[in-house]
Amino acid sequence: MAKYLLLKHYRGAPAPVNDAPMDQWSPEEISAHLQYMNDFAARLEKTGEFVSSQALAPEGAWVRYDGEGRPPVTDGPFAETKDLIAGWMIIDVDGYERAVELAGELSAAPGAGGKPIHEWLEVRPFYGEQPTITE
């Protein structure tokens, strides 16, 4: 089995077919979208292919260490993941082809007007084994 990260984007990916931003959806459309995602995850739980998923709130900040005795630095003049990444799902499947198949299905989640979004999802494999440190 191989683990893959399916990334959902707010923006930064090619525009989906149904390109109405979620903040313009009705509460019913948002509920239908979330229900689709939950049903999809529940189905993958039954097959043993689901690992984890989470939607992300749009707020957030970049933080870095700025030296001894100094407060952390936040934000900056660069694209921030809070503007890009909407959420993720981690799956554990037989291989890349299955990961692509599931990402394609997940891309059909309903959006505005109850029609499939056909959004682009980023499929990223996890490294197989952690590197060993030799001394």
C-alpha atoms as a PDB file:
ATOM      1  CA  MET A   1       0.000   0.000   0.000  1.00  0.00           C
ATOM      2  CA  ALA A   2       1.129   3.564  -0.677  1.00  0.00           C
ATOM      3  CA  LYS A   3      -0.008   6.765   0.995  1.00  0.00           C
ATOM      4  CA  TYR A   4      -1.018   9.806  -1.011  1.00  0.00           C
ATOM      5  CA  LEU A   5      -2.045  13.308  -0.031  1.00  0.00           C
ATOM      6  CA  LEU A   6      -4.977  14.759  -1.974  1.00  0.00           C
ATOM      7  CA  LEU A   7      -4.812  18.561  -1.657  1.00  0.00           C
ATOM      8  CA  LYS A   8      -7.827  20.794  -2.256  1.00  0.00           C
ATOM      9  CA  HIS A   9      -6.976  24.368  -3.199  1.00  0.00           C
ATOM     10  CA  TYR A  10      -8.809  27.656  -2.719  1.00  0.00           C
ATOM     11  CA  ARG A  11      -6.808  29.056  -5.605  1.00  0.00           C
ATOM     12  CA  GLY A  12      -3.428  28.538  -7.183  1.00  0.00           C
ATOM     13  CA  ALA A  13      -4.594  25.563  -9.235  1.00  0.00           C
ATOM     14  CA  PRO A  14      -6.276  25.693 -12.640  1.00  0.00           C
ATOM     15  CA  ALA A  15      -9.847  26.973 -12.335  1.00  0.00           C
ATOM     16  CA  PRO A  16     -12.477  24.259 -11.855  1.00  0.00           C
ATOM     17  CA  VAL A  17     -15.395  23.976 -14.260  1.00  0.00           C
ATOM     18  CA  ASN A  18     -17.907  25.151 -11.625  1.00  0.00           C
ATOM     19  CA  ASP A  19     -15.812  28.097 -10.449  1.00  0.00           C
ATOM     20  CA  ALA A  20     -18.080  29.888  -7.959  1.00  0.00           C
ATOM     21  CA  PRO A  21     -16.148  30.591  -4.725  1.00  0.00           C
ATOM     22  CA  MET A  22     -17.505  28.756  -1.678  1.00  0.00           C
ATOM     23  CA  ASP A  23     -18.267  32.028   0.109  1.00  0.00           C
ATOM     24  CA  GLN A  24     -20.887  32.601  -2.609  1.00  0.00           C
ATOM     25  CA  TRP A  25     -22.609  29.232  -2.103  1.00  0.00           C
ATOM     26  CA  SER A  26     -25.849  28.855  -0.215  1.00  0.00           C
ATOM     27  CA  PRO A  27     -25.805  27.024   3.139  1.00  0.00           C
ATOM     28  CA  GLU A  28     -27.534  24.094   1.415  1.00  0.00           C
ATOM     29  CA  GLU A  29     -24.809  23.925  -1.261  1.00  0.00           C
ATOM     30  CA  ILE A  30     -22.092  23.956   1.407  1.00  0.00           C
ATOM     31  CA  SER A  31     -23.895  21.197   3.320  1.00  0.00           C
ATOM     32  CA  ALA A  32     -24.219  19.086   0.173  1.00  0.00           C
ATOM     33  CA  HIS A  33     -20.513  19.525  -0.567  1.00  0.00           C
ATOM     34  CA  LEU A  34     -19.477  18.537   2.956  1.00  0.00           C
ATOM     35  CA  GLN A  35     -21.861  15.563   2.914  1.00  0.00           C
ATOM     36  CA  TYR A  36     -20.292  14.340  -0.338  1.00  0.00           C
ATOM     37  CA  MET A  37     -16.842  14.593   1.243  1.00  0.00           C
ATOM     38  CA  ASN A  38     -17.996  12.745   4.383  1.00  0.00           C
ATOM     39  CA  ASP A  39     -19.708  10.012   2.356  1.00  0.00           C
ATOM     40  CA  PHE A  40     -16.593   9.607   0.210  1.00  0.00           C
ATOM     41  CA  ALA A  41     -14.396   9.254   3.320  1.00  0.00           C
ATOM     42  CA  ALA A  42     -16.847   6.778   4.912  1.00  0.00           C
ATOM     43  CA  ARG A  43     -16.760   4.617   1.791  1.00  0.00           C
ATOM     44  CA  LEU A  44     -12.947   4.603   1.828  1.00  0.00           C
ATOM     45  CA  GLU A  45     -12.962   3.713   5.535  1.00  0.00           C
ATOM     46  CA  LYS A  46     -14.881   0.545   4.640  1.00  0.00           C
ATOM     47  CA  THR A  47     -12.272  -0.436   2.029  1.00  0.00           C
ATOM     48  CA  GLY A  48      -9.366   0.433   4.346  1.00  0.00           C
ATOM     49  CA  GLU A  49      -8.126   3.182   2.015  1.00  0.00           C
ATOM     50  CA  PHE A  50      -8.973   6.191   4.204  1.00  0.00           C
ATOM     51  CA  VAL A  51      -6.340   7.570   6.586  1.00  0.00           C
ATOM     52  CA  SER A  52      -7.360  11.139   7.448  1.00  0.00           C
ATOM     53  CA  SER A  53      -8.963  14.317   6.124  1.00  0.00           C
ATOM     54  CA  GLN A  54      -9.498  17.848   7.282  1.00  0.00           C
ATOM     55  CA  ALA A  55     -10.913  21.081   5.926  1.00  0.00           C
ATOM     56  CA  LEU A  56      -8.920  24.196   6.754  1.00  0.00           C
ATOM     57  CA  ALA A  57     -10.206  27.615   7.774  1.00  0.00           C
ATOM     58  CA  PRO A  58      -8.944  30.430   5.549  1.00  0.00           C
ATOM     59  CA  GLU A  59      -7.153  32.305   8.346  1.00  0.00           C
ATOM     60  CA  GLY A  60      -3.612  31.487   9.419  1.00  0.00           C
ATOM     61  CA  ALA A  61      -0.091  32.925   9.477  1.00  0.00           C
ATOM     62  CA  TRP A  62       3.490  32.110   8.527  1.00  0.00           C
ATOM     63  CA  VAL A  63       5.735  32.007  11.591  1.00  0.00           C
ATOM     64  CA  ARG A  64       9.510  31.731  11.894  1.00  0.00           C
ATOM     65  CA  TYR A  65      12.139  31.955  14.613  1.00  0.00           C
ATOM     66  CA  ASP A  66      13.837  35.367  14.549  1.00  0.00           C
ATOM     67  CA  GLY A  67      16.693  34.882  16.980  1.00  0.00           C
ATOM     68  CA  GLU A  68      17.368  34.515  20.680  1.00  0.00           C
ATOM     69  CA  GLY A  69      15.153  36.758  22.824  1.00  0.00           C
ATOM     70  CA  ARG A  70      13.207  38.082  19.831  1.00  0.00           C
ATOM     71  CA  PRO A  71       9.527  37.377  19.138  1.00  0.00           C
ATOM     72  CA  PRO A  72       8.639  35.117  16.222  1.00  0.00           C
ATOM     73  CA  VAL A  73       8.122  36.836  12.890  1.00  0.00           C
ATOM     74  CA  THR A  74       4.710  36.338  11.293  1.00  0.00           C
ATOM     75  CA  ASP A  75       3.426  36.714   7.734  1.00  0.00           C
ATOM     76  CA  GLY A  76       5.332  38.229   4.867  1.00  0.00           C
ATOM     77  CA  PRO A  77       5.111  39.436   1.270  1.00  0.00           C
ATOM     78  CA  PHE A  78       4.528  36.010  -0.287  1.00  0.00           C
ATOM     79  CA  ALA A  79       1.729  33.650  -1.233  1.00  0.00           C
ATOM     80  CA  GLU A  80       0.395  32.028   1.897  1.00  0.00           C
ATOM     81  CA  THR A  81      -1.053  28.541   2.242  1.00  0.00           C
ATOM     82  CA  LYS A  82      -4.069  30.045   4.022  1.00  0.00           C
ATOM     83  CA  ASP A  83      -4.901  31.559   0.617  1.00  0.00           C
ATOM     84  CA  LEU A  84      -4.178  28.354  -1.263  1.00  0.00           C
ATOM     85  CA  ILE A  85      -4.948  25.137   0.609  1.00  0.00           C
ATOM     86  CA  ALA A  86      -8.584  24.435   1.494  1.00  0.00           C
ATOM     87  CA  GLY A  87      -8.073  20.973   2.972  1.00  0.00           C
ATOM     88  CA  TRP A  88      -6.652  17.539   2.451  1.00  0.00           C
ATOM     89  CA  MET A  89      -7.339  13.835   2.475  1.00  0.00           C
ATOM     90  CA  ILE A  90      -4.756  11.155   3.069  1.00  0.00           C
ATOM     91  CA  ILE A  91      -5.410   7.821   1.419  1.00  0.00           C
ATOM     92  CA  ASP A  92      -3.559   4.500   1.563  1.00  0.00           C
ATOM     93  CA  VAL A  93      -4.049   2.692  -1.734  1.00  0.00           C
ATOM     94  CA  ASP A  94      -2.458   0.041  -3.951  1.00  0.00           C
ATOM     95  CA  GLY A  95      -0.724   2.584  -6.166  1.00  0.00           C
ATOM     96  CA  TYR A  96      -0.708   5.795  -8.146  1.00  0.00           C
ATOM     97  CA  GLU A  97      -3.456   4.720 -10.552  1.00  0.00           C
ATOM     98  CA  ARG A  98      -5.891   4.147  -7.673  1.00  0.00           C
ATOM     99  CA  ALA A  99      -4.916   7.498  -6.115  1.00  0.00           C
ATOM    100  CA  VAL A 100      -5.672   9.258  -9.416  1.00  0.00           C
ATOM    101  CA  GLU A 101      -8.970   7.373  -9.757  1.00  0.00           C
ATOM    102  CA  LEU A 102     -10.082   8.479  -6.283  1.00  0.00           C
ATOM    103  CA  ALA A 103      -8.906  12.081  -6.804  1.00  0.00           C
ATOM    104  CA  GLY A 104     -10.975  12.203  -9.992  1.00  0.00           C
ATOM    105  CA  GLU A 105     -14.020  11.003  -8.104  1.00  0.00           C
ATOM    106  CA  LEU A 106     -13.442  13.470  -5.267  1.00  0.00           C
ATOM    107  CA  SER A 107     -13.194  16.278  -7.827  1.00  0.00           C
ATOM    108  CA  ALA A 108     -16.878  15.693  -8.624  1.00  0.00           C
ATOM    109  CA  ALA A 109     -18.063  16.999  -5.234  1.00  0.00           C
ATOM    110  CA  PRO A 110     -21.052  19.302  -5.713  1.00  0.00           C
ATOM    111  CA  GLY A 111     -20.647  23.046  -5.612  1.00  0.00           C
ATOM    112  CA  ALA A 112     -22.737  26.005  -6.707  1.00  0.00           C
ATOM    113  CA  GLY A 113     -26.127  24.977  -8.032  1.00  0.00           C
ATOM    114  CA  GLY A 114     -25.522  21.419  -6.829  1.00  0.00           C
ATOM    115  CA  LYS A 115     -23.413  20.746  -9.917  1.00  0.00           C
ATOM    116  CA  PRO A 116     -20.036  18.962  -9.679  1.00  0.00           C
ATOM    117  CA  ILE A 117     -17.114  21.322  -9.183  1.00  0.00           C
ATOM    118  CA  HIS A 118     -14.671  19.357 -11.359  1.00  0.00           C
ATOM    119  CA  GLU A 119     -11.940  20.962  -9.275  1.00  0.00           C
ATOM    120  CA  TRP A 120      -8.285  20.137  -9.713  1.00  0.00           C
ATOM    121  CA  LEU A 121      -6.801  18.155  -6.830  1.00  0.00           C
ATOM    122  CA  GLU A 122      -3.096  17.827  -6.215  1.00  0.00           C
ATOM    123  CA  VAL A 123      -1.993  14.188  -5.730  1.00  0.00           C
ATOM    124  CA  ARG A 124       1.264  13.879  -3.762  1.00  0.00           C
ATOM    125  CA  PRO A 125       2.885  10.615  -2.679  1.00  0.00           C
ATOM    126  CA  PHE A 126       4.411  10.250   0.770  1.00  0.00           C
ATOM    127  CA  TYR A 127       7.997   9.039   0.990  1.00  0.00           C
ATOM    128  CA  GLY A 128       8.019   5.284   1.535  1.00  0.00           C
ATOM    129  CA  GLU A 129      10.539   4.932   4.323  1.00  0.00           C
ATOM    130  CA  GLN A 130      12.186   7.464   6.559  1.00  0.00           C
ATOM    131  CA  PRO A 131      15.896   7.861   5.841  1.00  0.00           C
ATOM    132  CA  THR A 132      18.189   6.263   8.408  1.00  0.00           C
ATOM    133  CA  ILE A 133      20.928   8.278  10.051  1.00  0.00           C
ATOM    134  CA  THR A 134      24.308   6.581  10.262  1.00  0.00           C
ATOM    135  CA  GLU A 135      27.074   7.770  12.507  1.00  0.00           C
END
